[in-house]
Protein backbone atom coordinates (compact mmCIF):
# COMPACT_ATOMS: atom_id res chain seq x y z
CA MET A 1 -40.05 -42.48 2.67
CA SER A 2 -42.88 -40.06 1.92
CA ASN A 3 -42.90 -36.81 0.03
CA ARG A 4 -45.01 -35.14 2.71
CA ALA A 5 -42.60 -32.23 3.29
CA LEU A 6 -42.39 -31.47 -0.43
CA TRP A 7 -46.17 -31.61 -0.74
CA SER A 8 -46.70 -29.21 2.17
CA MET A 9 -44.11 -26.80 0.74
CA LYS A 10 -45.83 -26.87 -2.64
CA LYS A 11 -49.22 -26.23 -1.04
CA LYS A 12 -47.79 -23.35 1.02
CA HIS A 13 -46.54 -21.60 -2.09
CA GLU A 14 -49.89 -22.11 -3.81
CA TRP A 15 -51.59 -20.46 -0.84
CA LEU A 16 -49.15 -17.56 -0.89
CA ALA A 17 -49.81 -16.99 -4.58
CA THR A 18 -53.58 -16.56 -4.15
CA PRO A 19 -54.83 -13.27 -2.67
CA ARG A 20 -56.24 -13.55 0.84
CA LYS A 21 -59.91 -12.93 1.50
CA ALA A 22 -60.46 -10.11 4.00
CA LYS A 23 -61.71 -11.28 7.37
CA ARG A 24 -65.22 -10.16 8.31
CA ILE A 25 -65.10 -8.03 11.45
CA LYS A 26 -68.25 -6.99 13.31
CA ARG A 27 -68.87 -3.27 13.71
CA ALA A 28 -68.39 -3.38 17.51
CA ALA A 29 -64.92 -4.87 17.09
CA ARG A 30 -64.02 -2.26 14.44
CA VAL A 31 -65.13 0.53 16.80
CA ARG A 32 -63.02 -0.92 19.64
CA CYS A 33 -59.80 -0.90 17.63
CA GLY A 34 -60.47 2.44 15.91
CA LEU A 35 -60.92 0.96 12.46
CA GLN A 36 -64.51 2.19 12.07
CA ASP A 37 -63.44 5.84 12.48
CA ALA A 38 -60.89 5.40 9.71
CA MET A 39 -63.48 3.79 7.44
CA ASP A 40 -65.92 6.64 8.13
CA ARG A 41 -63.26 9.24 7.27
CA LYS A 42 -62.44 7.40 4.04
CA ALA A 43 -66.13 7.19 3.10
CA ALA A 44 -66.62 10.92 3.77
CA LYS A 45 -63.84 11.82 1.29
CA ALA A 46 -65.36 9.79 -1.54
């Protein structure tokens, strides 16, 4: 009998504890989903 399930559960919790790295999205994709406009508005305020 292996402890595979326990090991995977332990690893899952370790992954949940660490902050996720933001995914890199190309500008064209950001423009398509409207994210670029929001980023531009945020940059204009600052």
